[in-house]
Amino acid sequence: MRNFCLVFTLIALLNGCAGIKLISDYDEVIDRGITEFAEQFNTHVKNMGDLAGTPEGTYEVNLRIYNALESKLDVMIARASAISESKGCKLEKKVLDRVQSLLKNDMPAEIQSSENEQIGNAHGCNERLLMLVKKQLSFVKEIHRDTDKCGASNLSCLRPTTAKTALSIANQSINAVSVVEAAKKQ
């Protein structure tokens, strides 16, 4: 009888622990969404660099593409925000180690500071990173619309060197979202 009680207690304890999660849930929607966004954004910025100085490369002609990219980010930000419950950015040790090993020196400050946060989750980190990507997209739009001018007609453009730099900066945050999701998946 004593062994039966011990086994019963052990089973009850194990069942009670079944609801405990040590790693945030992988989010396929954000993973797929950021991959699609990266492809569309990279293609767009590279195209703008190639079309600099032509009417097809002006900001006005490409405004709809910027709006579509921004809308895609807004949907992912809303999803990450709803799941994070505004708790902030905190990566579990296993996920943080994986992200650090993959990103090395390219790790955004938003994730580096997550170690010090008392509460939060990986969805909160994705929310921060996606908002950073949105700021970077806005910066690219502003440069395209107001700063870079090309050709004799002084057309709005995104110069090839500007495009390359913008991609490098934005891809750091985009890749971080992908790495966070991939680390959670493993």
N, C-alpha and C. Protein backbone atom coordinates (compact mmCIF):
# COMPACT_ATOMS: atom_id res chain seq x y z
N MET A 1 0.83 -1.19 0.00
CA MET A 1 0.00 0.00 0.00
C MET A 1 0.87 1.25 0.00
N ARG A 2 1.96 1.19 0.78
CA ARG A 2 2.85 2.34 0.84
C ARG A 2 3.46 2.65 -0.54
N ASN A 3 3.87 1.60 -1.28
CA ASN A 3 4.43 1.79 -2.63
C ASN A 3 3.39 2.38 -3.57
N PHE A 4 2.14 1.92 -3.39
CA PHE A 4 1.06 2.45 -4.22
C PHE A 4 0.89 3.96 -3.98
N CYS A 5 0.92 4.37 -2.72
CA CYS A 5 0.78 5.80 -2.38
C CYS A 5 1.96 6.60 -2.94
N LEU A 6 3.14 6.04 -2.85
CA LEU A 6 4.34 6.70 -3.37
C LEU A 6 4.25 6.86 -4.89
N VAL A 7 3.85 5.82 -5.58
CA VAL A 7 3.70 5.87 -7.04
C VAL A 7 2.60 6.86 -7.41
N PHE A 8 1.49 6.82 -6.69
CA PHE A 8 0.38 7.74 -6.96
C PHE A 8 0.81 9.19 -6.77
N THR A 9 1.56 9.47 -5.71
CA THR A 9 2.05 10.82 -5.43
C THR A 9 3.02 11.26 -6.53
N LEU A 10 3.89 10.37 -6.94
CA LEU A 10 4.85 10.69 -8.00
C LEU A 10 4.14 11.01 -9.32
N ILE A 11 3.14 10.23 -9.66
CA ILE A 11 2.36 10.48 -10.89
C ILE A 11 1.64 11.82 -10.79
N ALA A 12 1.07 12.11 -9.64
CA ALA A 12 0.37 13.38 -9.45
C ALA A 12 1.34 14.55 -9.60
N LEU A 13 2.53 14.42 -9.05
CA LEU A 13 3.53 15.47 -9.17
C LEU A 13 3.95 15.68 -10.62
N LEU A 14 4.18 14.58 -11.33
CA LEU A 14 4.58 14.67 -12.73
C LEU A 14 3.47 15.29 -13.58
N ASN A 15 2.24 14.94 -13.33
CA ASN A 15 1.13 15.55 -14.06
C ASN A 15 1.03 17.04 -13.77
N GLY A 16 1.32 17.43 -12.56
CA GLY A 16 1.30 18.85 -12.20
C GLY A 16 2.38 19.63 -12.92
N CYS A 17 3.48 18.99 -13.23
CA CYS A 17 4.58 19.66 -13.93
C CYS A 17 4.37 19.71 -15.44
N ALA A 18 3.40 18.97 -15.95
CA ALA A 18 3.20 18.89 -17.39
C ALA A 18 2.88 20.24 -18.00
N GLY A 19 2.28 21.14 -17.24
CA GLY A 19 1.91 22.45 -17.77
C GLY A 19 3.04 23.46 -17.74
N ILE A 20 4.15 23.13 -17.13
CA ILE A 20 5.27 24.06 -17.05
C ILE A 20 6.03 24.06 -18.36
N LYS A 21 6.30 25.28 -18.87
CA LYS A 21 7.04 25.41 -20.13
C LYS A 21 8.33 26.16 -19.87
N LEU A 22 9.41 25.61 -20.36
CA LEU A 22 10.70 26.26 -20.18
C LEU A 22 11.10 27.08 -21.40
N ILE A 23 10.50 26.85 -22.53
CA ILE A 23 10.83 27.55 -23.76
C ILE A 23 9.53 28.12 -24.34
N SER A 24 9.58 29.36 -24.86
CA SER A 24 8.42 29.96 -25.50
C SER A 24 8.02 29.15 -26.72
N ASP A 25 6.74 29.15 -27.01
CA ASP A 25 6.23 28.42 -28.17
C ASP A 25 6.77 29.03 -29.47
N TYR A 26 7.16 28.14 -30.35
CA TYR A 26 7.56 28.52 -31.71
C TYR A 26 6.32 29.11 -32.41
N ASP A 27 6.51 30.19 -33.16
CA ASP A 27 5.40 30.83 -33.86
C ASP A 27 5.66 30.76 -35.37
N GLU A 28 5.03 29.79 -36.01
CA GLU A 28 5.22 29.58 -37.44
C GLU A 28 4.76 30.78 -38.26
N VAL A 29 3.72 31.46 -37.80
CA VAL A 29 3.20 32.62 -38.55
C VAL A 29 4.24 33.73 -38.60
N ILE A 30 4.86 34.03 -37.48
CA ILE A 30 5.91 35.07 -37.47
C ILE A 30 7.13 34.59 -38.23
N ASP A 31 7.50 33.34 -38.07
CA ASP A 31 8.66 32.80 -38.78
C ASP A 31 8.46 32.91 -40.30
N ARG A 32 7.32 32.46 -40.77
CA ARG A 32 7.03 32.53 -42.20
C ARG A 32 6.88 33.99 -42.65
N GLY A 33 6.21 34.79 -41.82
CA GLY A 33 5.99 36.20 -42.17
C GLY A 33 7.29 36.98 -42.30
N ILE A 34 8.23 36.77 -41.37
CA ILE A 34 9.48 37.53 -41.45
C ILE A 34 10.33 37.05 -42.62
N THR A 35 10.21 35.77 -42.97
CA THR A 35 10.93 35.25 -44.13
C THR A 35 10.39 35.89 -45.41
N GLU A 36 9.07 35.95 -45.53
CA GLU A 36 8.45 36.58 -46.70
C GLU A 36 8.78 38.07 -46.75
N PHE A 37 8.71 38.73 -45.58
CA PHE A 37 9.04 40.16 -45.53
C PHE A 37 10.47 40.38 -45.98
N ALA A 38 11.40 39.57 -45.47
CA ALA A 38 12.82 39.73 -45.83
C ALA A 38 13.02 39.60 -47.32
N GLU A 39 12.37 38.61 -47.93
CA GLU A 39 12.50 38.42 -49.38
C GLU A 39 11.96 39.64 -50.13
N GLN A 40 10.79 40.10 -49.75
CA GLN A 40 10.17 41.23 -50.44
C GLN A 40 10.96 42.53 -50.22
N PHE A 41 11.39 42.75 -48.98
CA PHE A 41 12.14 43.96 -48.66
C PHE A 41 13.49 43.97 -49.38
N ASN A 42 14.21 42.87 -49.31
CA ASN A 42 15.52 42.79 -49.97
C ASN A 42 15.39 42.98 -51.48
N THR A 43 14.40 42.35 -52.08
CA THR A 43 14.18 42.50 -53.52
C THR A 43 13.86 43.95 -53.86
N HIS A 44 12.98 44.55 -53.07
CA HIS A 44 12.59 45.94 -53.33
C HIS A 44 13.79 46.89 -53.23
N VAL A 45 14.54 46.79 -52.15
CA VAL A 45 15.67 47.71 -51.97
C VAL A 45 16.73 47.50 -53.05
N LYS A 46 17.00 46.25 -53.40
CA LYS A 46 17.96 46.00 -54.48
C LYS A 46 17.46 46.57 -55.81
N ASN A 47 16.16 46.38 -56.07
CA ASN A 47 15.58 46.96 -57.29
C ASN A 47 15.69 48.47 -57.30
N MET A 48 15.47 49.09 -56.16
CA MET A 48 15.56 50.56 -56.09
C MET A 48 16.99 51.02 -56.37
N GLY A 49 17.96 50.27 -55.87
CA GLY A 49 19.36 50.61 -56.18
C GLY A 49 19.64 50.50 -57.67
N ASP A 50 19.08 49.46 -58.31
CA ASP A 50 19.27 49.27 -59.75
C ASP A 50 18.53 50.31 -60.57
N LEU A 51 17.39 50.78 -60.06
CA LEU A 51 16.56 51.73 -60.81
C LEU A 51 16.82 53.19 -60.44
N ALA A 52 17.83 53.44 -59.62
CA ALA A 52 18.13 54.81 -59.19
C ALA A 52 18.35 55.71 -60.41
N GLY A 53 17.69 56.85 -60.39
CA GLY A 53 17.83 57.83 -61.47
C GLY A 53 16.82 57.65 -62.59
N THR A 54 15.99 56.61 -62.51
CA THR A 54 14.97 56.38 -63.54
C THR A 54 13.59 56.69 -62.96
N PRO A 55 12.61 57.00 -63.80
CA PRO A 55 11.26 57.25 -63.29
C PRO A 55 10.68 56.05 -62.51
N GLU A 56 11.04 54.83 -62.91
CA GLU A 56 10.54 53.63 -62.23
C GLU A 56 11.11 53.48 -60.81
N GLY A 57 12.21 54.15 -60.55
CA GLY A 57 12.86 54.04 -59.25
C GLY A 57 12.48 55.14 -58.27
N THR A 58 11.53 56.00 -58.63
CA THR A 58 11.16 57.10 -57.73
C THR A 58 10.32 56.59 -56.56
N TYR A 59 10.34 57.35 -55.50
CA TYR A 59 9.58 57.01 -54.30
C TYR A 59 8.08 56.93 -54.63
N GLU A 60 7.59 57.90 -55.37
CA GLU A 60 6.16 57.98 -55.66
C GLU A 60 5.67 56.73 -56.40
N VAL A 61 6.44 56.24 -57.34
CA VAL A 61 6.06 55.05 -58.11
C VAL A 61 6.05 53.81 -57.21
N ASN A 62 6.85 53.81 -56.17
CA ASN A 62 7.03 52.63 -55.32
C ASN A 62 6.35 52.75 -53.96
N LEU A 63 5.54 53.75 -53.76
CA LEU A 63 4.86 53.96 -52.49
C LEU A 63 4.00 52.76 -52.08
N ARG A 64 3.32 52.14 -53.04
CA ARG A 64 2.47 50.98 -52.71
C ARG A 64 3.28 49.81 -52.17
N ILE A 65 4.48 49.64 -52.67
CA ILE A 65 5.32 48.55 -52.16
C ILE A 65 5.70 48.83 -50.71
N TYR A 66 6.06 50.08 -50.42
CA TYR A 66 6.38 50.45 -49.04
C TYR A 66 5.18 50.23 -48.13
N ASN A 67 3.99 50.61 -48.59
CA ASN A 67 2.78 50.42 -47.79
C ASN A 67 2.52 48.94 -47.52
N ALA A 68 2.72 48.09 -48.52
CA ALA A 68 2.51 46.65 -48.35
C ALA A 68 3.51 46.08 -47.35
N LEU A 69 4.77 46.51 -47.44
CA LEU A 69 5.78 46.04 -46.50
C LEU A 69 5.45 46.48 -45.08
N GLU A 70 5.03 47.72 -44.93
CA GLU A 70 4.68 48.23 -43.61
C GLU A 70 3.46 47.49 -43.04
N SER A 71 2.49 47.21 -43.88
CA SER A 71 1.30 46.47 -43.42
C SER A 71 1.66 45.08 -42.95
N LYS A 72 2.55 44.42 -43.65
CA LYS A 72 3.00 43.07 -43.26
C LYS A 72 3.66 43.13 -41.88
N LEU A 73 4.49 44.14 -41.66
CA LEU A 73 5.13 44.30 -40.35
C LEU A 73 4.10 44.59 -39.27
N ASP A 74 3.11 45.44 -39.57
CA ASP A 74 2.08 45.77 -38.58
C ASP A 74 1.34 44.52 -38.10
N VAL A 75 1.05 43.61 -39.02
CA VAL A 75 0.35 42.37 -38.66
C VAL A 75 1.23 41.52 -37.73
N MET A 76 2.51 41.40 -38.08
CA MET A 76 3.41 40.60 -37.24
C MET A 76 3.63 41.25 -35.87
N ILE A 77 3.73 42.58 -35.83
CA ILE A 77 3.90 43.29 -34.56
C ILE A 77 2.67 43.07 -33.68
N ALA A 78 1.50 43.18 -34.27
CA ALA A 78 0.26 42.97 -33.50
C ALA A 78 0.20 41.55 -32.94
N ARG A 79 0.60 40.59 -33.73
CA ARG A 79 0.60 39.18 -33.28
C ARG A 79 1.59 38.99 -32.13
N ALA A 80 2.81 39.46 -32.32
CA ALA A 80 3.84 39.31 -31.27
C ALA A 80 3.41 40.05 -30.00
N SER A 81 2.81 41.21 -30.15
CA SER A 81 2.36 42.00 -29.00
C SER A 81 1.26 41.28 -28.24
N ALA A 82 0.32 40.69 -28.96
CA ALA A 82 -0.78 39.98 -28.31
C ALA A 82 -0.26 38.76 -27.55
N ILE A 83 0.69 38.05 -28.13
CA ILE A 83 1.22 36.85 -27.48
C ILE A 83 2.13 37.22 -26.30
N SER A 84 2.88 38.32 -26.43
CA SER A 84 3.81 38.70 -25.37
C SER A 84 3.10 39.29 -24.16
N GLU A 85 1.86 39.73 -24.36
CA GLU A 85 1.07 40.35 -23.30
C GLU A 85 1.80 41.53 -22.67
N SER A 86 2.59 42.24 -23.47
CA SER A 86 3.34 43.43 -23.04
C SER A 86 4.23 43.17 -21.83
N LYS A 87 4.76 41.95 -21.74
CA LYS A 87 5.62 41.60 -20.61
C LYS A 87 7.07 41.99 -20.83
N GLY A 88 7.44 42.34 -22.03
CA GLY A 88 8.81 42.72 -22.31
C GLY A 88 9.60 41.61 -22.98
N CYS A 89 10.87 41.88 -23.19
CA CYS A 89 11.75 40.97 -23.92
C CYS A 89 12.63 40.20 -22.94
N LYS A 90 12.47 38.90 -22.95
CA LYS A 90 13.37 38.04 -22.17
C LYS A 90 13.47 36.71 -22.89
N LEU A 91 14.69 36.34 -23.22
CA LEU A 91 14.93 35.05 -23.86
C LEU A 91 15.37 34.04 -22.82
N GLU A 92 14.85 32.84 -22.93
CA GLU A 92 15.29 31.76 -22.08
C GLU A 92 16.77 31.51 -22.38
N LYS A 93 17.50 31.02 -21.42
CA LYS A 93 18.95 30.82 -21.56
C LYS A 93 19.30 30.02 -22.81
N LYS A 94 18.58 28.94 -23.05
CA LYS A 94 18.85 28.09 -24.21
C LYS A 94 18.68 28.87 -25.52
N VAL A 95 17.60 29.65 -25.61
CA VAL A 95 17.33 30.43 -26.82
C VAL A 95 18.36 31.55 -26.95
N LEU A 96 18.66 32.24 -25.84
CA LEU A 96 19.64 33.32 -25.88
C LEU A 96 21.01 32.80 -26.32
N ASP A 97 21.42 31.66 -25.79
CA ASP A 97 22.71 31.08 -26.18
C ASP A 97 22.73 30.77 -27.68
N ARG A 98 21.64 30.22 -28.18
CA ARG A 98 21.55 29.88 -29.61
C ARG A 98 21.60 31.14 -30.47
N VAL A 99 20.87 32.16 -30.06
CA VAL A 99 20.85 33.43 -30.80
C VAL A 99 22.24 34.05 -30.81
N GLN A 100 22.90 34.07 -29.64
CA GLN A 100 24.24 34.64 -29.55
C GLN A 100 25.23 33.88 -30.42
N SER A 101 25.11 32.56 -30.46
CA SER A 101 26.05 31.77 -31.25
C SER A 101 25.86 32.01 -32.75
N LEU A 102 24.63 32.26 -33.16
CA LEU A 102 24.37 32.49 -34.59
C LEU A 102 24.63 33.92 -35.03
N LEU A 103 24.25 34.89 -34.20
CA LEU A 103 24.38 36.29 -34.60
C LEU A 103 25.73 36.91 -34.25
N LYS A 104 26.40 36.35 -33.25
CA LYS A 104 27.71 36.83 -32.80
C LYS A 104 27.71 38.35 -32.61
N ASN A 105 28.50 39.08 -33.37
CA ASN A 105 28.62 40.53 -33.21
C ASN A 105 27.45 41.32 -33.79
N ASP A 106 26.55 40.64 -34.50
CA ASP A 106 25.42 41.33 -35.12
C ASP A 106 24.16 41.28 -34.27
N MET A 107 24.29 40.95 -33.00
CA MET A 107 23.12 40.82 -32.14
C MET A 107 22.59 42.21 -31.77
N PRO A 108 21.31 42.49 -32.10
CA PRO A 108 20.73 43.80 -31.79
C PRO A 108 20.69 44.06 -30.29
N ALA A 109 20.79 45.32 -29.93
CA ALA A 109 20.77 45.73 -28.51
C ALA A 109 19.48 45.29 -27.83
N GLU A 110 18.38 45.22 -28.57
CA GLU A 110 17.09 44.81 -28.00
C GLU A 110 17.16 43.42 -27.40
N ILE A 111 17.96 42.56 -27.97
CA ILE A 111 18.11 41.20 -27.43
C ILE A 111 19.19 41.18 -26.37
N GLN A 112 20.26 41.92 -26.57
CA GLN A 112 21.35 41.94 -25.60
C GLN A 112 20.84 42.39 -24.24
N SER A 113 19.92 43.34 -24.22
CA SER A 113 19.40 43.85 -22.95
C SER A 113 18.38 42.91 -22.33
N SER A 114 17.93 41.89 -23.06
CA SER A 114 16.90 41.00 -22.53
C SER A 114 17.39 40.17 -21.36
N GLU A 115 18.69 39.97 -21.25
CA GLU A 115 19.23 39.18 -20.14
C GLU A 115 18.93 39.82 -18.80
N ASN A 116 18.87 41.16 -18.77
CA ASN A 116 18.69 41.89 -17.52
C ASN A 116 17.23 42.04 -17.11
N GLU A 117 16.31 41.76 -18.01
CA GLU A 117 14.89 41.94 -17.71
C GLU A 117 14.41 40.81 -16.81
N GLN A 118 13.65 41.16 -15.81
CA GLN A 118 13.14 40.17 -14.86
C GLN A 118 12.00 39.36 -15.43
N ILE A 119 11.12 40.02 -16.20
CA ILE A 119 9.97 39.32 -16.78
C ILE A 119 9.97 39.54 -18.28
N GLY A 120 9.23 38.72 -18.96
CA GLY A 120 9.11 38.85 -20.40
C GLY A 120 9.21 37.50 -21.06
N ASN A 121 9.19 37.52 -22.39
CA ASN A 121 9.29 36.27 -23.15
C ASN A 121 9.86 36.57 -24.53
N ALA A 122 10.08 35.52 -25.29
CA ALA A 122 10.67 35.66 -26.62
C ALA A 122 9.74 36.42 -27.56
N HIS A 123 8.43 36.30 -27.34
CA HIS A 123 7.49 37.05 -28.18
C HIS A 123 7.67 38.55 -27.96
N GLY A 124 8.00 38.95 -26.73
CA GLY A 124 8.29 40.35 -26.44
C GLY A 124 9.54 40.82 -27.17
N CYS A 125 10.53 39.92 -27.29
CA CYS A 125 11.74 40.25 -28.05
C CYS A 125 11.41 40.42 -29.52
N ASN A 126 10.58 39.51 -30.05
CA ASN A 126 10.18 39.64 -31.45
C ASN A 126 9.40 40.93 -31.67
N GLU A 127 8.55 41.28 -30.72
CA GLU A 127 7.80 42.54 -30.84
C GLU A 127 8.77 43.72 -30.94
N ARG A 128 9.77 43.77 -30.06
CA ARG A 128 10.76 44.85 -30.10
C ARG A 128 11.55 44.85 -31.41
N LEU A 129 11.97 43.66 -31.82
CA LEU A 129 12.75 43.56 -33.06
C LEU A 129 11.92 43.96 -34.28
N LEU A 130 10.67 43.54 -34.32
CA LEU A 130 9.80 43.90 -35.45
C LEU A 130 9.53 45.40 -35.47
N MET A 131 9.38 46.02 -34.30
CA MET A 131 9.21 47.48 -34.26
C MET A 131 10.48 48.17 -34.74
N LEU A 132 11.64 47.59 -34.43
CA LEU A 132 12.91 48.13 -34.93
C LEU A 132 12.97 48.01 -36.45
N VAL A 133 12.55 46.88 -36.99
CA VAL A 133 12.51 46.71 -38.45
C VAL A 133 11.59 47.76 -39.07
N LYS A 134 10.47 48.03 -38.42
CA LYS A 134 9.53 49.03 -38.94
C LYS A 134 10.17 50.42 -38.95
N LYS A 135 10.91 50.75 -37.90
CA LYS A 135 11.63 52.04 -37.87
C LYS A 135 12.65 52.10 -39.00
N GLN A 136 13.35 50.99 -39.23
CA GLN A 136 14.35 50.95 -40.29
C GLN A 136 13.69 51.08 -41.66
N LEU A 137 12.54 50.46 -41.84
CA LEU A 137 11.78 50.62 -43.09
C LEU A 137 11.37 52.08 -43.27
N SER A 138 10.91 52.71 -42.21
CA SER A 138 10.53 54.14 -42.29
C SER A 138 11.73 55.00 -42.66
N PHE A 139 12.89 54.66 -42.12
CA PHE A 139 14.11 55.40 -42.44
C PHE A 139 14.47 55.25 -43.92
N VAL A 140 14.34 54.04 -44.45
CA VAL A 140 14.61 53.81 -45.88
C VAL A 140 13.62 54.61 -46.72
N LYS A 141 12.35 54.59 -46.34
CA LYS A 141 11.33 55.37 -47.06
C LYS A 141 11.68 56.86 -47.07
N GLU A 142 12.08 57.36 -45.91
CA GLU A 142 12.43 58.79 -45.78
C GLU A 142 13.61 59.14 -46.68
N ILE A 143 14.63 58.30 -46.67
CA ILE A 143 15.79 58.55 -47.55
C ILE A 143 15.35 58.54 -49.00
N HIS A 144 14.55 57.56 -49.37
CA HIS A 144 14.08 57.42 -50.75
C HIS A 144 13.25 58.63 -51.16
N ARG A 145 12.39 59.07 -50.26
CA ARG A 145 11.47 60.18 -50.57
C ARG A 145 12.17 61.54 -50.54
N ASP A 146 13.03 61.77 -49.52
CA ASP A 146 13.51 63.13 -49.27
C ASP A 146 15.00 63.37 -49.46
N THR A 147 15.82 62.37 -49.25
CA THR A 147 17.26 62.61 -49.18
C THR A 147 17.99 62.33 -50.48
N ASP A 148 17.93 61.09 -50.94
CA ASP A 148 18.66 60.73 -52.16
C ASP A 148 17.97 61.32 -53.39
N LYS A 149 18.74 61.97 -54.22
CA LYS A 149 18.25 62.53 -55.50
C LYS A 149 19.19 62.06 -56.59
N CYS A 150 18.62 61.69 -57.74
CA CYS A 150 19.43 61.12 -58.81
C CYS A 150 19.07 61.75 -60.15
N GLY A 151 20.05 61.73 -61.03
CA GLY A 151 19.84 62.16 -62.42
C GLY A 151 19.72 63.65 -62.59
N ALA A 152 19.67 64.05 -63.85
CA ALA A 152 19.59 65.47 -64.19
C ALA A 152 18.27 66.08 -63.71
N SER A 153 17.23 65.26 -63.62
CA SER A 153 15.92 65.75 -63.17
C SER A 153 15.79 65.76 -61.65
N ASN A 154 16.83 65.36 -60.95
CA ASN A 154 16.83 65.35 -59.49
C ASN A 154 15.68 64.52 -58.92
N LEU A 155 15.52 63.31 -59.48
CA LEU A 155 14.44 62.41 -59.08
C LEU A 155 14.71 61.81 -57.70
N SER A 156 13.63 61.55 -56.96
CA SER A 156 13.80 60.82 -55.71
C SER A 156 14.31 59.42 -56.08
N CYS A 157 15.23 58.91 -55.27
CA CYS A 157 15.79 57.61 -55.58
C CYS A 157 16.38 57.00 -54.33
N LEU A 158 16.82 55.79 -54.45
CA LEU A 158 17.58 55.12 -53.41
C LEU A 158 18.88 54.68 -54.09
N ARG A 159 19.93 55.42 -53.82
CA ARG A 159 21.22 55.14 -54.46
C ARG A 159 21.71 53.75 -54.10
N PRO A 160 22.46 53.11 -54.99
CA PRO A 160 22.96 51.75 -54.71
C PRO A 160 23.72 51.64 -53.39
N THR A 161 24.57 52.62 -53.07
CA THR A 161 25.32 52.54 -51.81
C THR A 161 24.39 52.69 -50.60
N THR A 162 23.39 53.55 -50.73
CA THR A 162 22.41 53.71 -49.65
C THR A 162 21.62 52.42 -49.49
N ALA A 163 21.22 51.83 -50.61
CA ALA A 163 20.45 50.58 -50.58
C ALA A 163 21.25 49.48 -49.88
N LYS A 164 22.52 49.37 -50.20
CA LYS A 164 23.36 48.34 -49.60
C LYS A 164 23.48 48.53 -48.09
N THR A 165 23.70 49.76 -47.65
CA THR A 165 23.81 50.06 -46.22
C THR A 165 22.48 49.80 -45.52
N ALA A 166 21.38 50.22 -46.13
CA ALA A 166 20.05 50.02 -45.53
C ALA A 166 19.76 48.54 -45.36
N LEU A 167 20.10 47.74 -46.35
CA LEU A 167 19.89 46.30 -46.26
C LEU A 167 20.71 45.69 -45.12
N SER A 168 21.93 46.10 -45.00
CA SER A 168 22.81 45.57 -43.97
C SER A 168 22.24 45.85 -42.57
N ILE A 169 21.78 47.07 -42.37
CA ILE A 169 21.24 47.45 -41.06
C ILE A 169 19.92 46.73 -40.78
N ALA A 170 19.00 46.78 -41.73
CA ALA A 170 17.68 46.17 -41.51
C ALA A 170 17.77 44.65 -41.41
N ASN A 171 18.63 44.03 -42.19
CA ASN A 171 18.73 42.57 -42.15
C ASN A 171 19.25 42.04 -40.82
N GLN A 172 19.98 42.86 -40.08
CA GLN A 172 20.43 42.44 -38.76
C GLN A 172 19.22 42.16 -37.87
N SER A 173 18.24 43.04 -37.86
CA SER A 173 17.05 42.86 -37.03
C SER A 173 16.13 41.79 -37.61
N ILE A 174 16.00 41.78 -38.93
CA ILE A 174 15.17 40.76 -39.58
C ILE A 174 15.71 39.37 -39.27
N ASN A 175 17.03 39.20 -39.40
CA ASN A 175 17.65 37.91 -39.12
C ASN A 175 17.50 37.52 -37.66
N ALA A 176 17.52 38.50 -36.76
CA ALA A 176 17.37 38.20 -35.34
C ALA A 176 16.00 37.59 -35.06
N VAL A 177 14.95 38.09 -35.69
CA VAL A 177 13.61 37.52 -35.51
C VAL A 177 13.62 36.06 -35.99
N SER A 178 14.20 35.83 -37.15
CA SER A 178 14.27 34.46 -37.68
C SER A 178 15.05 33.54 -36.76
N VAL A 179 16.14 34.02 -36.23
CA VAL A 179 16.98 33.20 -35.35
C VAL A 179 16.25 32.89 -34.05
N VAL A 180 15.54 33.87 -33.50
CA VAL A 180 14.77 33.63 -32.27
C VAL A 180 13.74 32.53 -32.51
N GLU A 181 13.01 32.62 -33.62
CA GLU A 181 12.01 31.59 -33.92
C GLU A 181 12.67 30.22 -34.17
N ALA A 182 13.76 30.21 -34.90
CA ALA A 182 14.45 28.94 -35.17
C ALA A 182 14.97 28.32 -33.88
N ALA A 183 15.48 29.14 -32.98
CA ALA A 183 15.99 28.63 -31.70
C ALA A 183 14.85 28.07 -30.86
N LYS A 184 13.69 28.71 -30.88
CA LYS A 184 12.54 28.20 -30.12
C LYS A 184 12.05 26.88 -30.72
N LYS A 185 12.17 26.74 -32.02
CA LYS A 185 11.71 25.54 -32.72
C LYS A 185 12.54 24.33 -32.29
N GLN A 186 13.83 24.56 -32.04
CA GLN A 186 14.72 23.46 -31.67
C GLN A 186 14.54 23.17 -30.22
